[in-house]
PDB file of N, CA and C in Angstrom:
ATOM      1  N   UNK A   1     112.996 105.405 108.700  1.00  0.00           N
ATOM      2  CA  UNK A   1     112.772 104.712 109.922  1.00  0.00           C
ATOM      3  C   UNK A   1     111.932 105.513 110.902  1.00  0.00           C
ATOM      4  N   UNK A   2     111.031 104.852 111.586  1.00  0.00           N
ATOM      5  CA  UNK A   2     110.228 105.702 112.505  1.00  0.00           C
ATOM      6  C   UNK A   2     110.468 105.114 113.854  1.00  0.00           C
ATOM      7  N   UNK A   3     110.718 106.085 114.836  1.00  0.00           N
ATOM      8  CA  UNK A   3     110.997 105.834 116.208  1.00  0.00           C
ATOM      9  C   UNK A   3     109.844 106.296 116.953  1.00  0.00           C
ATOM     10  N   UNK A   4     109.485 105.376 117.952  1.00  0.00           N
ATOM     11  CA  UNK A   4     108.270 105.575 118.731  1.00  0.00           C
ATOM     12  C   UNK A   4     108.592 105.620 120.268  1.00  0.00           C
ATOM     13  N   UNK A   5     108.123 106.563 120.974  1.00  0.00           N
ATOM     14  CA  UNK A   5     108.402 106.605 122.473  1.00  0.00           C
ATOM     15  C   UNK A   5     107.242 106.872 123.201  1.00  0.00           C
ATOM     16  N   UNK A   6     106.824 106.010 124.189  1.00  0.00           N
ATOM     17  CA  UNK A   6     105.657 106.135 125.004  1.00  0.00           C
ATOM     18  C   UNK A   6     106.064 106.683 126.420  1.00  0.00           C
ATOM     19  N   UNK A   7     105.163 107.378 126.954  1.00  0.00           N
ATOM     20  CA  UNK A   7     105.338 107.879 128.319  1.00  0.00           C
ATOM     21  C   UNK A   7     104.032 108.087 129.142  1.00  0.00           C
ATOM     22  N   UNK A   8     103.977 108.160 130.400  1.00  0.00           N
ATOM     23  CA  UNK A   8     102.856 108.530 131.126  1.00  0.00           C
ATOM     24  C   UNK A   8     102.340 107.407 131.930  1.00  0.00           C
ATOM     25  N   UNK A   9     102.899 106.208 131.893  1.00  0.00           N
ATOM     26  CA  UNK A   9     102.415 105.198 132.606  1.00  0.00           C
ATOM     27  C   UNK A   9     102.588 105.339 134.159  1.00  0.00           C
ATOM     28  N   UNK A  10     102.182 104.533 135.026  1.00  0.00           N
ATOM     29  CA  UNK A  10     102.330 104.544 136.344  1.00  0.00           C
ATOM     30  C   UNK A  10     101.390 103.829 137.215  1.00  0.00           C
ATOM     31  N   UNK A  11     101.425 104.058 138.538  1.00  0.00           N
ATOM     32  CA  UNK A  11     100.487 103.304 139.467  1.00  0.00           C
ATOM     33  C   UNK A  11      99.307 104.282 139.809  1.00  0.00           C
ATOM     34  N   UNK A  12      98.207 103.800 139.617  1.00  0.00           N
ATOM     35  CA  UNK A  12      96.959 104.540 139.873  1.00  0.00           C
ATOM     36  C   UNK A  12      95.907 103.778 140.658  1.00  0.00           C
ATOM     37  N   UNK A  13      95.063 104.423 141.510  1.00  0.00           N
ATOM     38  CA  UNK A  13      94.048 103.576 142.220  1.00  0.00           C
ATOM     39  C   UNK A  13      92.783 103.468 141.293  1.00  0.00           C
ATOM     40  N   UNK A  14      92.056 102.324 141.535  1.00  0.00           N
ATOM     41  CA  UNK A  14      90.781 102.168 140.830  1.00  0.00           C
ATOM     42  C   UNK A  14      89.971 103.461 140.807  1.00  0.00           C
ATOM     43  N   UNK A  15      89.437 103.836 139.584  1.00  0.00           N
ATOM     44  CA  UNK A  15      88.619 104.972 139.440  1.00  0.00           C
ATOM     45  C   UNK A  15      89.390 106.167 139.140  1.00  0.00           C
ATOM     46  N   UNK A  16      90.745 106.029 139.112  1.00  0.00           N
ATOM     47  CA  UNK A  16      91.588 107.116 138.784  1.00  0.00           C
ATOM     48  C   UNK A  16      91.784 107.395 137.231  1.00  0.00           C
ATOM     49  N   UNK A  17      92.695 108.315 136.942  1.00  0.00           N
ATOM     50  CA  UNK A  17      92.984 108.598 135.532  1.00  0.00           C
ATOM     51  C   UNK A  17      94.421 108.815 135.282  1.00  0.00           C
ATOM     52  N   UNK A  18      94.798 108.441 133.986  1.00  0.00           N
ATOM     53  CA  UNK A  18      96.130 108.593 133.516  1.00  0.00           C
ATOM     54  C   UNK A  18      96.128 109.092 132.011  1.00  0.00           C
ATOM     55  N   UNK A  19      97.098 109.805 131.681  1.00  0.00           N
ATOM     56  CA  UNK A  19      97.242 110.125 130.230  1.00  0.00           C
ATOM     57  C   UNK A  19      98.547 109.561 129.686  1.00  0.00           C
ATOM     58  N   UNK A  20      98.406 108.776 128.650  1.00  0.00           N
ATOM     59  CA  UNK A  20      99.641 108.173 128.044  1.00  0.00           C
ATOM     60  C   UNK A  20      99.896 109.104 126.710  1.00  0.00           C
ATOM     61  N   UNK A  21     101.334 109.235 126.548  1.00  0.00           N
ATOM     62  CA  UNK A  21     101.707 110.091 125.315  1.00  0.00           C
ATOM     63  C   UNK A  21     102.556 109.100 124.460  1.00  0.00           C
ATOM     64  N   UNK A  22     102.483 109.367 123.137  1.00  0.00           N
ATOM     65  CA  UNK A  22     103.271 108.640 122.121  1.00  0.00           C
ATOM     66  C   UNK A  22     103.789 109.637 121.176  1.00  0.00           C
ATOM     67  N   UNK A  23     105.154 109.665 121.026  1.00  0.00           N
ATOM     68  CA  UNK A  23     105.745 110.569 120.115  1.00  0.00           C
ATOM     69  C   UNK A  23     106.498 109.794 118.991  1.00  0.00           C
ATOM     70  N   UNK A  24     106.235 110.148 117.767  1.00  0.00           N
ATOM     71  CA  UNK A  24     106.885 109.531 116.644  1.00  0.00           C
ATOM     72  C   UNK A  24     107.851 110.496 116.077  1.00  0.00           C
ATOM     73  N   UNK A  25     109.103 109.929 115.826  1.00  0.00           N
ATOM     74  CA  UNK A  25     110.120 110.758 115.180  1.00  0.00           C
ATOM     75  C   UNK A  25     110.767 109.937 114.127  1.00  0.00           C
ATOM     76  N   UNK A  26     111.632 110.582 113.283  1.00  0.00           N
ATOM     77  CA  UNK A  26     112.385 110.031 112.320  1.00  0.00           C
ATOM     78  C   UNK A  26     112.170 110.431 110.914  1.00  0.00           C
ATOM     79  N   UNK A  27     112.374 109.648 109.863  1.00  0.00           N
ATOM     80  CA  UNK A  27     112.288 109.969 108.495  1.00  0.00           C
ATOM     81  C   UNK A  27     110.954 109.419 107.962  1.00  0.00           C
ATOM     82  N   UNK A  28     109.944 110.224 107.777  1.00  0.00           N
ATOM     83  CA  UNK A  28     108.643 109.805 107.195  1.00  0.00           C
ATOM     84  C   UNK A  28     107.940 111.085 106.696  1.00  0.00           C
ATOM     85  N   UNK A  29     107.074 110.856 105.753  1.00  0.00           N
ATOM     86  CA  UNK A  29     106.282 111.906 105.166  1.00  0.00           C
ATOM     87  C   UNK A  29     105.074 112.299 106.080  1.00  0.00           C
ATOM     88  N   UNK A  30     104.256 111.376 106.393  1.00  0.00           N
ATOM     89  CA  UNK A  30     103.150 111.625 107.143  1.00  0.00           C
ATOM     90  C   UNK A  30     102.655 110.330 107.798  1.00  0.00           C
ATOM     91  N   UNK A  31     101.976 110.443 108.877  1.00  0.00           N
ATOM     92  CA  UNK A  31     101.361 109.513 109.731  1.00  0.00           C
ATOM     93  C   UNK A  31      99.940 109.364 109.443  1.00  0.00           C
ATOM     94  N   UNK A  32      99.505 108.032 109.043  1.00  0.00           N
ATOM     95  CA  UNK A  32      98.095 107.953 108.870  1.00  0.00           C
ATOM     96  C   UNK A  32      97.300 107.242 110.008  1.00  0.00           C
ATOM     97  N   UNK A  33      98.105 106.446 110.733  1.00  0.00           N
ATOM     98  CA  UNK A  33      97.468 105.754 111.921  1.00  0.00           C
ATOM     99  C   UNK A  33      98.291 105.752 113.127  1.00  0.00           C
ATOM    100  N   UNK A  34      97.754 106.033 114.209  1.00  0.00           N
ATOM    101  CA  UNK A  34      98.435 105.856 115.471  1.00  0.00           C
ATOM    102  C   UNK A  34      97.457 105.034 116.429  1.00  0.00           C
ATOM    103  N   UNK A  35      97.977 104.060 117.164  1.00  0.00           N
ATOM    104  CA  UNK A  35      97.127 103.238 117.928  1.00  0.00           C
ATOM    105  C   UNK A  35      97.821 102.848 119.249  1.00  0.00           C
ATOM    106  N   UNK A  36      96.935 102.486 120.213  1.00  0.00           N
ATOM    107  CA  UNK A  36      97.385 101.974 121.470  1.00  0.00           C
ATOM    108  C   UNK A  36      96.936 100.535 121.653  1.00  0.00           C
ATOM    109  N   UNK A  37      97.934  99.714 122.029  1.00  0.00           N
ATOM    110  CA  UNK A  37      97.563  98.359 122.276  1.00  0.00           C
ATOM    111  C   UNK A  37      98.115  97.992 123.758  1.00  0.00           C
ATOM    112  N   UNK A  38      97.626  96.856 124.326  1.00  0.00           N
ATOM    113  CA  UNK A  38      98.186  96.472 125.588  1.00  0.00           C
ATOM    114  C   UNK A  38      98.365  94.978 125.708  1.00  0.00           C
ATOM    115  N   UNK A  39      99.190  94.599 126.653  1.00  0.00           N
ATOM    116  CA  UNK A  39      99.498  93.188 126.855  1.00  0.00           C
ATOM    117  C   UNK A  39      99.785  92.956 128.390  1.00  0.00           C
ATOM    118  N   UNK A  40      99.109  91.854 128.849  1.00  0.00           N
ATOM    119  CA  UNK A  40      99.209  91.626 130.321  1.00  0.00           C
ATOM    120  C   UNK A  40     100.303  90.632 130.522  1.00  0.00           C
ATOM    121  N   UNK A  41     100.886  90.786 131.559  1.00  0.00           N
ATOM    122  CA  UNK A  41     102.226  89.951 131.927  1.00  0.00           C
ATOM    123  C   UNK A  41     101.729  88.467 132.313  1.00  0.00           C
ATOM    124  N   UNK A  42     100.584  88.199 132.572  1.00  0.00           N
ATOM    125  CA  UNK A  42     100.166  86.876 132.962  1.00  0.00           C
ATOM    126  C   UNK A  42      99.883  86.028 131.652  1.00  0.00           C
ATOM    127  N   UNK A  43      99.920  86.775 130.589  1.00  0.00           N
ATOM    128  CA  UNK A  43      99.669  85.973 129.358  1.00  0.00           C
ATOM    129  C   UNK A  43     100.601  86.449 128.243  1.00  0.00           C
ATOM    130  N   UNK A  44     101.748  86.366 128.283  1.00  0.00           N
ATOM    131  CA  UNK A  44     102.738  86.999 127.492  1.00  0.00           C
ATOM    132  C   UNK A  44     102.702  86.544 126.054  1.00  0.00           C
ATOM    133  N   UNK A  45     102.169  85.299 125.814  1.00  0.00           N
ATOM    134  CA  UNK A  45     102.029  84.779 124.398  1.00  0.00           C
ATOM    135  C   UNK A  45     100.764  85.281 123.662  1.00  0.00           C
ATOM    136  N   UNK A  46      99.960  85.998 124.548  1.00  0.00           N
ATOM    137  CA  UNK A  46      98.764  86.496 123.778  1.00  0.00           C
ATOM    138  C   UNK A  46      99.014  87.632 122.932  1.00  0.00           C
ATOM    139  N   UNK A  47      98.348  87.779 121.860  1.00  0.00           N
ATOM    140  CA  UNK A  47      98.525  88.852 121.025  1.00  0.00           C
ATOM    141  C   UNK A  47      98.078  90.059 121.658  1.00  0.00           C
ATOM    142  N   UNK A  48      98.773  91.200 121.373  1.00  0.00           N
ATOM    143  CA  UNK A  48      98.505  92.456 121.988  1.00  0.00           C
ATOM    144  C   UNK A  48      97.172  92.815 121.620  1.00  0.00           C
ATOM    145  N   UNK A  49      96.438  93.384 122.646  1.00  0.00           N
ATOM    146  CA  UNK A  49      95.016  93.724 122.465  1.00  0.00           C
ATOM    147  C   UNK A  49      94.929  95.248 121.944  1.00  0.00           C
ATOM    148  N   UNK A  50      94.086  95.463 120.953  1.00  0.00           N
ATOM    149  CA  UNK A  50      93.886  96.732 120.511  1.00  0.00           C
ATOM    150  C   UNK A  50      93.069  97.451 121.525  1.00  0.00           C
ATOM    151  N   UNK A  51      93.485  98.668 121.901  1.00  0.00           N
ATOM    152  CA  UNK A  51      92.758  99.487 122.900  1.00  0.00           C
ATOM    153  C   UNK A  51      92.103 100.540 122.137  1.00  0.00           C
ATOM    154  N   UNK A  52      92.692 101.388 121.444  1.00  0.00           N
ATOM    155  CA  UNK A  52      92.173 102.486 120.681  1.00  0.00           C
ATOM    156  C   UNK A  52      93.107 102.876 119.531  1.00  0.00           C
ATOM    157  N   UNK A  53      92.483 103.297 118.446  1.00  0.00           N
ATOM    158  CA  UNK A  53      93.326 103.653 117.168  1.00  0.00           C
ATOM    159  C   UNK A  53      92.594 104.839 116.516  1.00  0.00           C
ATOM    160  N   UNK A  54      93.465 105.690 115.977  1.00  0.00           N
ATOM    161  CA  UNK A  54      92.934 106.758 115.146  1.00  0.00           C
ATOM    162  C   UNK A  54      93.569 106.755 113.808  1.00  0.00           C
ATOM    163  N   UNK A  55      92.748 106.700 112.790  1.00  0.00           N
ATOM    164  CA  UNK A  55      93.185 106.706 111.343  1.00  0.00           C
ATOM    165  C   UNK A  55      92.654 107.724 110.637  1.00  0.00           C
ATOM    166  N   UNK A  56      93.421 108.686 110.128  1.00  0.00           N
ATOM    167  CA  UNK A  56      92.880 109.800 109.213  1.00  0.00           C
ATOM    168  C   UNK A  56      91.651 110.504 109.846  1.00  0.00           C
ATOM    169  N   UNK A  57      91.691 110.531 111.192  1.00  0.00           N
ATOM    170  CA  UNK A  57      90.686 111.285 111.829  1.00  0.00           C
ATOM    171  C   UNK A  57      89.515 110.520 112.376  1.00  0.00           C
ATOM    172  N   UNK A  58      89.434 109.159 112.012  1.00  0.00           N
ATOM    173  CA  UNK A  58      88.473 108.251 112.464  1.00  0.00           C
ATOM    174  C   UNK A  58      89.051 107.522 113.717  1.00  0.00           C
ATOM    175  N   UNK A  59      88.236 107.277 114.744  1.00  0.00           N
ATOM    176  CA  UNK A  59      88.794 106.535 115.847  1.00  0.00           C
ATOM    177  C   UNK A  59      87.860 105.278 116.129  1.00  0.00           C
ATOM    178  N   UNK A  60      88.630 104.115 116.815  1.00  0.00           N
ATOM    179  CA  UNK A  60      87.939 103.000 117.168  1.00  0.00           C
ATOM    180  C   UNK A  60      88.499 102.516 118.521  1.00  0.00           C
ATOM    181  N   UNK A  61      87.577 102.002 119.274  1.00  0.00           N
ATOM    182  CA  UNK A  61      87.920 101.594 120.595  1.00  0.00           C
ATOM    183  C   UNK A  61      87.476 100.111 120.877  1.00  0.00           C
ATOM    184  N   UNK A  62      88.343  99.412 121.769  1.00  0.00           N
ATOM    185  CA  UNK A  62      87.815  98.124 122.194  1.00  0.00           C
ATOM    186  C   UNK A  62      86.493  98.332 123.098  1.00  0.00           C
ATOM    187  N   UNK A  63      85.791  97.310 123.076  1.00  0.00           N
ATOM    188  CA  UNK A  63      84.459  97.505 123.829  1.00  0.00           C
ATOM    189  C   UNK A  63      84.724  97.732 125.329  1.00  0.00           C
ATOM    190  N   UNK A  64      85.785  97.119 125.798  1.00  0.00           N
ATOM    191  CA  UNK A  64      86.211  97.236 127.128  1.00  0.00           C
ATOM    192  C   UNK A  64      86.546  98.567 127.685  1.00  0.00           C
ATOM    193  N   UNK A  65      86.936  99.442 126.785  1.00  0.00           N
ATOM    194  CA  UNK A  65      87.317 100.846 127.154  1.00  0.00           C
ATOM    195  C   UNK A  65      86.386 101.911 126.593  1.00  0.00           C
ATOM    196  N   UNK A  66      85.384 101.584 125.832  1.00  0.00           N
ATOM    197  CA  UNK A  66      84.475 102.579 125.299  1.00  0.00           C
ATOM    198  C   UNK A  66      83.892 103.345 126.432  1.00  0.00           C
ATOM    199  N   UNK A  67      83.791 104.682 126.275  1.00  0.00           N
ATOM    200  CA  UNK A  67      83.257 105.521 127.320  1.00  0.00           C
ATOM    201  C   UNK A  67      84.192 105.940 128.443  1.00  0.00           C
ATOM    202  N   UNK A  68      85.233 105.249 128.587  1.00  0.00           N
ATOM    203  CA  UNK A  68      86.304 105.503 129.549  1.00  0.00           C
ATOM    204  C   UNK A  68      87.599 106.145 128.995  1.00  0.00           C
ATOM    205  N   UNK A  69      88.107 105.671 127.760  1.00  0.00           N
ATOM    206  CA  UNK A  69      89.235 106.107 127.229  1.00  0.00           C
ATOM    207  C   UNK A  69      89.032 106.959 126.025  1.00  0.00           C
ATOM    208  N   UNK A  70      89.807 107.885 125.863  1.00  0.00           N
ATOM    209  CA  UNK A  70      89.817 108.686 124.577  1.00  0.00           C
ATOM    210  C   UNK A  70      91.161 108.835 123.871  1.00  0.00           C
ATOM    211  N   UNK A  71      91.247 108.533 122.623  1.00  0.00           N
ATOM    212  CA  UNK A  71      92.506 108.780 121.886  1.00  0.00           C
ATOM    213  C   UNK A  71      92.384 110.046 121.073  1.00  0.00           C
ATOM    214  N   UNK A  72      93.365 110.755 121.098  1.00  0.00           N
ATOM    215  CA  UNK A  72      93.507 111.963 120.257  1.00  0.00           C
ATOM    216  C   UNK A  72      94.867 112.357 119.794  1.00  0.00           C
ATOM    217  N   UNK A  73      95.042 113.115 118.781  1.00  0.00           N
ATOM    218  CA  UNK A  73      96.395 113.316 118.158  1.00  0.00           C
ATOM    219  C   UNK A  73      96.633 114.784 118.091  1.00  0.00           C
ATOM    220  N   UNK A  74      97.893 115.169 118.320  1.00  0.00           N
ATOM    221  CA  UNK A  74      98.411 116.494 117.889  1.00  0.00           C
ATOM    222  C   UNK A  74      99.283 116.289 116.679  1.00  0.00           C
ATOM    223  N   UNK A  75      98.642 116.526 115.492  1.00  0.00           N
ATOM    224  CA  UNK A  75      99.263 116.099 114.237  1.00  0.00           C
ATOM    225  C   UNK A  75     100.572 116.846 114.009  1.00  0.00           C
ATOM    226  N   UNK A  76     100.645 118.170 114.323  1.00  0.00           N
ATOM    227  CA  UNK A  76     101.841 118.936 114.160  1.00  0.00           C
ATOM    228  C   UNK A  76     102.947 118.478 115.158  1.00  0.00           C
ATOM    229  N   UNK A  77     102.770 117.736 116.146  1.00  0.00           N
ATOM    230  CA  UNK A  77     103.751 117.276 117.070  1.00  0.00           C
ATOM    231  C   UNK A  77     104.017 115.770 116.838  1.00  0.00           C
ATOM    232  N   UNK A  78     103.287 115.189 115.814  1.00  0.00           N
ATOM    233  CA  UNK A  78     103.381 113.738 115.650  1.00  0.00           C
ATOM    234  C   UNK A  78     103.153 112.976 116.919  1.00  0.00           C
ATOM    235  N   UNK A  79     102.117 113.392 117.705  1.00  0.00           N
ATOM    236  CA  UNK A  79     102.032 112.858 118.993  1.00  0.00           C
ATOM    237  C   UNK A  79     100.592 112.360 119.152  1.00  0.00           C
ATOM    238  N   UNK A  80     100.447 111.176 119.788  1.00  0.00           N
ATOM    239  CA  UNK A  80      99.094 110.639 120.101  1.00  0.00           C
ATOM    240  C   UNK A  80      98.907 110.472 121.653  1.00  0.00           C
ATOM    241  N   UNK A  81      97.827 110.714 122.086  1.00  0.00           N
ATOM    242  CA  UNK A  81      97.546 110.575 123.611  1.00  0.00           C
ATOM    243  C   UNK A  81      96.485 109.614 123.795  1.00  0.00           C
ATOM    244  N   UNK A  82      96.504 109.039 124.932  1.00  0.00           N
ATOM    245  CA  UNK A  82      95.407 108.184 125.429  1.00  0.00           C
ATOM    246  C   UNK A  82      94.916 108.635 126.804  1.00  0.00           C
ATOM    247  N   UNK A  83      93.882 109.248 126.937  1.00  0.00           N
ATOM    248  CA  UNK A  83      93.318 109.682 128.208  1.00  0.00           C
ATOM    249  C   UNK A  83      92.510 108.425 128.626  1.00  0.00           C
ATOM    250  N   UNK A  84      92.855 108.031 129.913  1.00  0.00           N
ATOM    251  CA  UNK A  84      92.364 107.034 130.488  1.00  0.00           C
ATOM    252  C   UNK A  84      91.617 107.379 131.730  1.00  0.00           C
ATOM    253  N   UNK A  85      90.330 107.178 131.750  1.00  0.00           N
ATOM    254  CA  UNK A  85      89.473 107.604 132.906  1.00  0.00           C
ATOM    255  C   UNK A  85      88.847 106.410 133.667  1.00  0.00           C
ATOM    256  N   UNK A  86      88.431 106.386 134.854  1.00  0.00           N
ATOM    257  CA  UNK A  86      87.586 105.430 135.474  1.00  0.00           C
ATOM    258  C   UNK A  86      88.352 104.096 135.357  1.00  0.00           C
ATOM    259  N   UNK A  87      89.658 104.076 135.658  1.00  0.00           N
ATOM    260  CA  UNK A  87      90.481 102.929 135.412  1.00  0.00           C
ATOM    261  C   UNK A  87      90.052 101.862 136.453  1.00  0.00           C
ATOM    262  N   UNK A  88      90.275 100.588 135.959  1.00  0.00           N
ATOM    263  CA  UNK A  88      89.940  99.363 136.611  1.00  0.00           C
ATOM    264  C   UNK A  88      91.113  98.485 136.774  1.00  0.00           C
ATOM    265  N   UNK A  89      91.164  97.587 137.717  1.00  0.00           N
ATOM    266  CA  UNK A  89      92.325  96.690 137.890  1.00  0.00           C
ATOM    267  C   UNK A  89      92.619  95.919 136.602  1.00  0.00           C
ATOM    268  N   UNK A  90      91.550  95.646 135.830  1.00  0.00           N
ATOM    269  CA  UNK A  90      91.724  94.884 134.629  1.00  0.00           C
ATOM    270  C   UNK A  90      92.354  95.526 133.509  1.00  0.00           C
ATOM    271  N   UNK A  91      92.463  96.877 133.696  1.00  0.00           N
ATOM    272  CA  UNK A  91      93.365  97.806 132.751  1.00  0.00           C
ATOM    273  C   UNK A  91      94.794  97.608 132.956  1.00  0.00           C
ATOM    274  N   UNK A  92      95.099  97.016 134.016  1.00  0.00           N
ATOM    275  CA  UNK A  92      96.664  96.840 134.246  1.00  0.00           C
ATOM    276  C   UNK A  92      97.285  95.959 133.140  1.00  0.00           C
ATOM    277  N   UNK A  93      98.356  96.664 132.584  1.00  0.00           N
ATOM    278  CA  UNK A  93      98.952  95.965 131.395  1.00  0.00           C
ATOM    279  C   UNK A  93     100.178  96.864 130.946  1.00  0.00           C
ATOM    280  N   UNK A  94     101.050  96.372 130.124  1.00  0.00           N
ATOM    281  CA  UNK A  94     101.971  97.179 129.371  1.00  0.00           C
ATOM    282  C   UNK A  94     101.268  97.793 128.100  1.00  0.00           C
ATOM    283  N   UNK A  95     101.194  99.094 128.037  1.00  0.00           N
ATOM    284  CA  UNK A  95     100.689  99.693 126.919  1.00  0.00           C
ATOM    285  C   UNK A  95     101.711 100.102 125.761  1.00  0.00           C
ATOM    286  N   UNK A  96     101.362  99.725 124.601  1.00  0.00           N
ATOM    287  CA  UNK A  96     102.256  99.975 123.463  1.00  0.00           C
ATOM    288  C   UNK A  96     101.665 100.883 122.430  1.00  0.00           C
ATOM    289  N   UNK A  97     102.430 101.689 121.948  1.00  0.00           N
ATOM    290  CA  UNK A  97     101.975 102.641 120.752  1.00  0.00           C
ATOM    291  C   UNK A  97     102.455 102.018 119.540  1.00  0.00           C
ATOM    292  N   UNK A  98     101.586 102.066 118.493  1.00  0.00           N
ATOM    293  CA  UNK A  98     101.874 101.655 117.084  1.00  0.00           C
ATOM    294  C   UNK A  98     101.729 102.842 116.200  1.00  0.00           C
ATOM    295  N   UNK A  99     102.685 103.041 115.328  1.00  0.00           N
ATOM    296  CA  UNK A  99     102.681 104.134 114.364  1.00  0.00           C
ATOM    297  C   UNK A  99     102.809 103.519 113.009  1.00  0.00           C
ATOM    298  N   UNK A 100     101.851 103.967 112.030  1.00  0.00           N
ATOM    299  CA  UNK A 100     101.958 103.623 110.687  1.00  0.00           C
ATOM    300  C   UNK A 100     102.072 104.948 109.771  1.00  0.00           C
ATOM    301  N   UNK A 101     103.268 104.930 109.105  1.00  0.00           N
ATOM    302  CA  UNK A 101     103.584 106.091 108.168  1.00  0.00           C
ATOM    303  C   UNK A 101     103.913 105.520 106.947  1.00  0.00           C
ATOM    304  N   UNK A 102     103.031 105.673 105.997  1.00  0.00           N
ATOM    305  CA  UNK A 102     103.336 105.182 104.677  1.00  0.00           C
ATOM    306  C   UNK A 102     103.534 103.544 104.834  1.00  0.00           C
ATOM    307  N   UNK A 103     104.526 103.062 104.342  1.00  0.00           N
ATOM    308  CA  UNK A 103     104.784 101.580 104.339  1.00  0.00           C
ATOM    309  C   UNK A 103     105.414 101.203 105.682  1.00  0.00           C
ATOM    310  N   UNK A 104     105.784 102.215 106.505  1.00  0.00           N
ATOM    311  CA  UNK A 104     106.523 101.942 107.810  1.00  0.00           C
ATOM    312  C   UNK A 104     105.523 101.640 108.923  1.00  0.00           C
ATOM    313  N   UNK A 105     105.902 100.679 109.765  1.00  0.00           N
ATOM    314  CA  UNK A 105     105.084 100.263 110.898  1.00  0.00           C
ATOM    315  C   UNK A 105     105.957 100.131 112.114  1.00  0.00           C
ATOM    316  N   UNK A 106     105.794 100.866 113.154  1.00  0.00           N
ATOM    317  CA  UNK A 106     106.811 100.851 114.229  1.00  0.00           C
ATOM    318  C   UNK A 106     106.055 100.739 115.515  1.00  0.00           C
ATOM    319  N   UNK A 107     106.787 100.235 116.491  1.00  0.00           N
ATOM    320  CA  UNK A 107     106.194 100.071 117.858  1.00  0.00           C
ATOM    321  C   UNK A 107     107.294 100.754 118.837  1.00  0.00           C
ATOM    322  N   UNK A 108     106.695 101.152 120.005  1.00  0.00           N
ATOM    323  CA  UNK A 108     107.467 101.581 120.992  1.00  0.00           C
ATOM    324  C   UNK A 108     107.779 100.499 121.977  1.00  0.00           C
ATOM    325  N   UNK A 109     108.485 100.949 123.018  1.00  0.00           N
ATOM    326  CA  UNK A 109     109.028  99.848 124.068  1.00  0.00           C
ATOM    327  C   UNK A 109     107.889  99.615 125.039  1.00  0.00           C
ATOM    328  N   UNK A 110     106.900 100.339 125.171  1.00  0.00           N
ATOM    329  CA  UNK A 110     105.744 100.127 126.052  1.00  0.00           C
ATOM    330  C   UNK A 110     105.993 100.972 127.350  1.00  0.00           C
ATOM    331  N   UNK A 111     104.837 101.290 128.004  1.00  0.00           N
ATOM    332  CA  UNK A 111     104.786 101.868 129.313  1.00  0.00           C
ATOM    333  C   UNK A 111     103.884 101.156 130.302  1.00  0.00           C
ATOM    334  N   UNK A 112     104.260 100.890 131.511  1.00  0.00           N
ATOM    335  CA  UNK A 112     103.467 100.047 132.380  1.00  0.00           C
ATOM    336  C   UNK A 112     102.408 100.954 133.050  1.00  0.00           C
ATOM    337  N   UNK A 113     101.191 100.371 133.049  1.00  0.00           N
ATOM    338  CA  UNK A 113     100.058 100.970 133.754  1.00  0.00           C
ATOM    339  C   UNK A 113      99.565 100.024 134.788  1.00  0.00           C
ATOM    340  N   UNK A 114      99.576 100.322 136.011  1.00  0.00           N
ATOM    341  CA  UNK A 114      99.080  99.417 137.090  1.00  0.00           C
ATOM    342  C   UNK A 114      97.980 100.089 137.884  1.00  0.00           C
ATOM    343  N   UNK A 115      96.835  99.434 137.812  1.00  0.00           N
ATOM    344  CA  UNK A 115      95.597  99.938 138.567  1.00  0.00           C
ATOM    345  C   UNK A 115      95.490  99.122 139.935  1.00  0.00           C
ATOM    346  N   UNK A 116      95.701  99.627 140.933  1.00  0.00           N
ATOM    347  CA  UNK A 116      95.581  98.835 142.254  1.00  0.00           C
ATOM    348  C   UNK A 116      95.428  99.731 143.381  1.00  0.00           C
ATOM    349  N   UNK A 117      94.772  99.381 144.443  1.00  0.00           N
ATOM    350  CA  UNK A 117      94.591 100.131 145.684  1.00  0.00           C
ATOM    351  C   UNK A 117      95.656  99.738 146.660  1.00  0.00           C
TER     352      UNK A 117
END
């Protein structure tokens, strides 16, 4: 079983920065994919939007965050980070971390990011 815990959310003004952290723990051999997704409260039935993902060293980003967000991993600590810069009000959402380790696929509980003046 894989356990996932996110942290680092909060309230930030437009143009500001935040760094989210995602730590995976439990019984697994190795993690091949860690990704960040987000969901807005005004559309709870909408599928979670992919923000950024890293798989075996390759990274992909949603067009809406390219050039502003960076995903990176500390493999030894089973941790992924999402550095978010130049934040906009439309980035406001609950951010979820997804971890894929072998056949295991796990989600965290989410961390709220609010961008507002």
